[in-house]
Amino acid sequence: MGARVAVVDRWPHAQQVADIGDCMRRIALVLVGLSIALTQAQGQLAILKRDLKDLEAWASADTNDSQRKYLLALAHWKRHEWRQTDSLLRAAIALEPRFAAAYLALALLPQARRPQLVDEEARDRVPESWRPAVKEAAEFYARAFRTDPMVSLEVMGIDVEEPEIVDYTAPETQVYLRYYAWAIDLALGRYQSAQQRLTKLAQREVKFPRPARAEAEEAAERGDPHSVGRQRLPVHARGAAPSRWE
């Protein structure tokens, strides 16, 4: 009798199936852009290394150029100047309503401004003052991929430094490597590695949804799984562990 119960218990319940489906859809959105992301992103972000005053002068030379406003917005993003970033991105989509990359940047901007926002969303504890921004970000995200399913992912690498791993045997490190390292790979242009990690993650979620969630939750209780070596993960990685999909 006990064996039969154990066998039945291994089958995911309806909510678990829905959670896994949501997980797979999220992973699929990332995989969709992997094959072309490198060619789209190369060269674009190099301009951000220029002096901000030079970039502002360059953008001002053609105020009707949505691409210039977008790149200037990313330059302000790197400096954590959020108001200017938001204003310039909105100006870019006003000039070009089908500017998918600008919509994606606007979708990720609230999480960049407030790193704990992903966890607050997962726990349905978003502060009242942030709820309109969260709702709007979801709309921007959907519009980005509706407009262009192959939208450039360059914004994911705007403010990323690879975490320094001191102890590869630490539980927190293992959770990072399993659930978050793909995002660093993606942001830094290591697309083959990112795809391999995402594929393994998807396969693991299908086979072992409950243990995977328990592992992530236990690691979260021991410490912050969103950081290794005190380095922030890119916004698209935060909350990526299965506990987010409860």
Protein backbone atom coordinates (compact mmCIF):
# COMPACT_ATOMS: atom_id res chain seq x y z
CA MET A 1 0.00 0.00 0.00
CA GLY A 2 2.80 2.33 0.95
CA ALA A 3 4.56 1.68 -2.35
CA ARG A 4 1.42 2.47 -4.31
CA VAL A 5 1.01 5.76 -2.46
CA ALA A 6 4.65 6.64 -3.14
CA VAL A 7 4.22 5.95 -6.85
CA VAL A 8 1.09 8.07 -7.06
CA ASP A 9 2.78 10.84 -5.11
CA ARG A 10 5.49 11.12 -7.75
CA TRP A 11 2.94 12.24 -10.32
CA PRO A 12 2.61 16.02 -10.36
CA HIS A 13 -0.71 17.46 -9.28
CA ALA A 14 -2.69 19.74 -11.59
CA GLN A 15 -1.15 22.90 -10.11
CA GLN A 16 2.33 21.43 -10.46
CA VAL A 17 1.67 20.65 -14.10
CA ALA A 18 0.55 24.23 -14.63
CA ASP A 19 3.67 25.50 -12.84
CA ILE A 20 5.92 23.34 -14.99
CA GLY A 21 4.14 24.53 -18.11
CA ASP A 22 4.71 28.12 -17.08
CA CYS A 23 8.36 27.31 -16.40
CA MET A 24 8.75 25.77 -19.84
CA ARG A 25 7.10 28.74 -21.54
CA ARG A 26 9.46 31.15 -19.78
CA ILE A 27 12.47 29.09 -20.75
CA ALA A 28 11.19 28.82 -24.32
CA LEU A 29 11.01 32.62 -24.59
CA VAL A 30 14.70 32.80 -23.79
CA LEU A 31 15.64 29.93 -26.09
CA VAL A 32 13.79 31.58 -28.96
CA GLY A 33 16.30 34.41 -29.06
CA LEU A 34 19.50 32.46 -28.50
CA SER A 35 20.16 31.65 -32.14
CA ILE A 36 20.18 35.28 -33.25
CA ALA A 37 20.95 37.24 -30.09
CA LEU A 38 24.69 37.36 -30.72
CA THR A 39 24.45 39.03 -34.11
CA GLN A 40 21.87 41.50 -32.83
CA ALA A 41 23.83 42.53 -29.77
CA GLN A 42 27.34 42.73 -31.20
CA GLY A 43 28.45 46.29 -31.77
CA GLN A 44 25.34 47.86 -30.30
CA LEU A 45 26.56 48.12 -26.73
CA ALA A 46 30.10 49.19 -27.63
CA ILE A 47 28.85 52.74 -28.06
CA LEU A 48 27.88 52.81 -24.37
CA LYS A 49 31.57 52.99 -23.46
CA ARG A 50 31.73 56.51 -24.84
CA ASP A 51 31.52 59.55 -22.57
CA LEU A 52 27.93 60.36 -21.63
CA LYS A 53 28.23 63.95 -22.86
CA ASP A 54 29.38 62.69 -26.24
CA LEU A 55 26.42 60.30 -26.38
CA GLU A 56 24.00 63.08 -25.46
CA ALA A 57 25.41 65.30 -28.20
CA TRP A 58 25.17 62.41 -30.68
CA ALA A 59 21.54 61.72 -29.71
CA SER A 60 20.66 65.41 -29.88
CA ALA A 61 21.94 65.62 -33.45
CA ASP A 62 18.80 63.78 -34.59
CA THR A 63 15.94 64.05 -32.12
CA ASN A 64 13.69 61.94 -34.34
CA ASP A 65 15.99 58.91 -34.23
CA SER A 66 14.44 56.36 -31.88
CA GLN A 67 17.57 54.18 -31.92
CA ARG A 68 19.71 57.04 -30.61
CA LYS A 69 17.26 57.68 -27.78
CA TYR A 70 17.25 53.98 -26.96
CA LEU A 71 21.04 53.73 -26.76
CA LEU A 72 21.25 56.91 -24.71
CA ALA A 73 18.66 55.37 -22.37
CA LEU A 74 20.89 52.32 -21.93
CA ALA A 75 23.84 54.58 -21.16
CA HIS A 76 21.81 56.16 -18.35
CA TRP A 77 20.76 52.66 -17.25
CA LYS A 78 24.43 51.72 -16.77
CA ARG A 79 24.74 54.73 -14.47
CA HIS A 80 21.52 53.83 -12.60
CA GLU A 81 19.90 57.08 -13.66
CA TRP A 82 16.43 55.61 -13.75
CA ARG A 83 14.30 58.66 -14.50
CA GLN A 84 16.32 59.55 -17.58
CA THR A 85 16.29 55.91 -18.67
CA ASP A 86 12.52 55.64 -18.39
CA SER A 87 11.92 58.95 -20.13
CA LEU A 88 14.20 58.16 -23.08
CA LEU A 89 12.77 54.66 -23.57
CA ARG A 90 9.25 56.06 -23.66
CA ALA A 91 10.37 58.70 -26.13
CA ALA A 92 11.84 55.95 -28.30
CA ILE A 93 8.57 53.99 -28.49
CA ALA A 94 6.66 57.22 -29.09
CA LEU A 95 8.80 57.75 -32.17
CA GLU A 96 8.71 54.07 -33.19
CA PRO A 97 5.68 52.20 -31.78
CA ARG A 98 7.12 48.87 -33.00
CA PHE A 99 10.47 49.24 -31.22
CA ALA A 100 10.49 45.83 -29.55
CA ALA A 101 13.86 46.22 -27.78
CA ALA A 102 12.67 49.42 -26.10
CA TYR A 103 9.53 47.64 -24.86
CA LEU A 104 11.66 44.85 -23.42
CA ALA A 105 13.90 47.38 -21.68
CA LEU A 106 10.86 49.08 -20.16
CA ALA A 107 9.60 45.66 -19.03
CA LEU A 108 12.82 44.92 -17.14
CA LEU A 109 13.41 48.42 -15.81
CA PRO A 110 11.27 48.15 -12.62
CA GLN A 111 13.22 45.07 -11.53
CA ALA A 112 16.49 46.90 -12.13
CA ARG A 113 15.28 49.83 -10.06
CA ARG A 114 13.98 47.60 -7.24
CA PRO A 115 15.91 44.28 -7.11
CA GLN A 116 13.58 42.72 -4.52
CA LEU A 117 10.57 43.25 -6.79
CA VAL A 118 10.75 39.76 -8.33
CA ASP A 119 10.50 38.07 -4.96
CA GLU A 120 7.72 40.44 -3.93
CA GLU A 121 5.80 39.48 -7.06
CA ALA A 122 6.32 35.78 -6.38
CA ARG A 123 4.92 36.17 -2.86
CA ASP A 124 2.14 38.54 -3.91
CA ARG A 125 3.61 41.21 -1.66
CA VAL A 126 4.26 43.98 -4.14
CA PRO A 127 3.97 47.36 -2.39
CA GLU A 128 0.88 49.28 -3.42
CA SER A 129 2.97 52.07 -4.89
CA TRP A 130 4.77 49.60 -7.22
CA ARG A 131 1.74 47.67 -8.48
CA PRO A 132 1.00 49.98 -11.45
CA ALA A 133 4.64 49.67 -12.58
CA VAL A 134 4.50 45.86 -12.30
CA LYS A 135 1.30 45.70 -14.32
CA GLU A 136 2.69 48.01 -16.98
CA ALA A 137 5.96 46.02 -17.13
CA ALA A 138 4.02 42.84 -17.87
CA GLU A 139 2.25 44.63 -20.72
CA PHE A 140 5.55 45.91 -22.10
CA TYR A 141 7.05 42.42 -21.91
CA ALA A 142 4.18 40.87 -23.83
CA ARG A 143 4.23 43.64 -26.42
CA ALA A 144 7.97 43.25 -26.98
CA PHE A 145 7.62 39.61 -28.02
CA ARG A 146 4.36 40.14 -29.91
CA THR A 147 6.04 42.86 -31.92
CA ASP A 148 9.18 40.84 -32.58
CA PRO A 149 9.55 37.24 -31.30
CA MET A 150 13.27 37.58 -32.08
CA VAL A 151 13.67 40.82 -30.10
CA SER A 152 17.25 41.68 -29.20
CA LEU A 153 18.20 40.56 -25.68
CA GLU A 154 21.04 43.07 -25.35
CA VAL A 155 19.40 44.93 -22.47
CA MET A 156 19.91 41.84 -20.29
CA GLY A 157 23.65 42.46 -20.26
CA ILE A 158 23.61 46.16 -19.44
CA ASP A 159 24.58 45.92 -15.78
CA VAL A 160 26.10 42.48 -15.33
CA GLU A 161 29.29 41.27 -13.69
CA GLU A 162 30.04 37.59 -13.40
CA PRO A 163 29.84 36.41 -9.79
CA GLU A 164 33.05 35.29 -8.14
CA ILE A 165 32.65 31.73 -6.88
CA VAL A 166 34.85 30.91 -3.91
CA ASP A 167 33.52 27.49 -2.93
CA TYR A 168 32.07 25.28 -5.65
CA THR A 169 30.88 22.75 -3.06
CA ALA A 170 28.71 25.21 -1.16
CA PRO A 171 24.92 24.53 -1.45
CA GLU A 172 24.31 28.15 -2.47
CA THR A 173 26.84 27.80 -5.28
CA GLN A 174 25.19 24.62 -6.53
CA VAL A 175 21.81 26.37 -6.62
CA TYR A 176 23.35 29.29 -8.49
CA LEU A 177 24.98 27.02 -11.07
CA ARG A 178 21.78 25.06 -11.60
CA TYR A 179 19.17 27.82 -11.63
CA TYR A 180 20.91 31.13 -12.36
CA ALA A 181 24.21 30.66 -14.23
CA TRP A 182 22.38 30.44 -17.56
CA ALA A 183 21.38 34.09 -17.15
CA ILE A 184 24.97 35.22 -16.69
CA ASP A 185 25.98 33.18 -19.74
CA LEU A 186 23.19 34.76 -21.76
CA ALA A 187 23.99 38.30 -20.63
CA LEU A 188 27.69 37.88 -21.40
CA GLY A 189 27.13 36.36 -24.84
CA ARG A 190 27.90 32.72 -24.02
CA TYR A 191 24.82 31.52 -25.85
CA GLN A 192 25.72 27.87 -26.32
CA SER A 193 26.41 27.48 -22.62
CA ALA A 194 23.19 29.30 -21.75
CA GLN A 195 21.18 27.02 -24.01
CA GLN A 196 22.78 23.91 -22.52
CA ARG A 197 22.05 25.05 -18.96
CA LEU A 198 18.44 25.95 -19.81
CA THR A 199 17.89 22.61 -21.51
CA LYS A 200 19.16 20.74 -18.44
CA LEU A 201 17.02 22.92 -16.18
CA ALA A 202 13.91 22.24 -18.25
CA GLN A 203 14.57 18.50 -18.26
CA ARG A 204 15.11 18.50 -14.51
CA GLU A 205 11.90 20.44 -13.88
CA VAL A 206 9.88 17.95 -15.90
CA LYS A 207 11.38 14.92 -14.14
CA PHE A 208 11.75 16.23 -10.60
CA PRO A 209 9.52 19.27 -10.05
CA ARG A 210 9.00 18.86 -6.31
CA PRO A 211 12.60 18.10 -5.22
CA ALA A 212 13.87 20.97 -7.35
CA ARG A 213 11.53 23.43 -5.70
CA ALA A 214 12.39 22.12 -2.23
CA GLU A 215 16.10 22.46 -2.98
CA ALA A 216 15.74 26.07 -4.06
CA GLU A 217 13.58 26.93 -1.06
CA GLU A 218 16.05 25.37 1.39
CA ALA A 219 18.90 27.31 -0.22
CA ALA A 220 16.88 30.50 0.03
CA GLU A 221 16.43 29.89 3.75
CA ARG A 222 20.20 29.46 4.20
CA GLY A 223 21.01 32.68 2.38
CA ASP A 224 20.29 34.81 -0.65
CA PRO A 225 20.43 32.54 -3.75
CA HIS A 226 20.31 35.61 -5.99
CA SER A 227 23.94 36.47 -5.29
CA VAL A 228 27.28 34.72 -5.22
CA GLY A 229 30.36 36.64 -4.13
CA ARG A 230 28.16 39.70 -3.52
CA GLN A 231 27.65 40.25 -7.24
CA ARG A 232 24.15 41.05 -8.52
CA LEU A 233 22.58 38.81 -11.10
CA PRO A 234 20.99 40.33 -14.19
CA VAL A 235 17.34 41.26 -13.81
CA HIS A 236 16.13 38.42 -16.02
CA ALA A 237 17.67 35.87 -13.64
CA ARG A 238 16.23 36.99 -10.36
CA GLY A 239 13.50 34.70 -9.14
CA ALA A 240 14.35 32.10 -11.76
CA ALA A 241 14.47 29.19 -9.32
CA PRO A 242 11.33 27.01 -9.16
CA SER A 243 10.16 28.66 -5.94
CA ARG A 244 9.14 31.65 -8.05
CA TRP A 245 6.46 29.64 -9.77
CA GLU A 246 4.53 28.62 -6.68
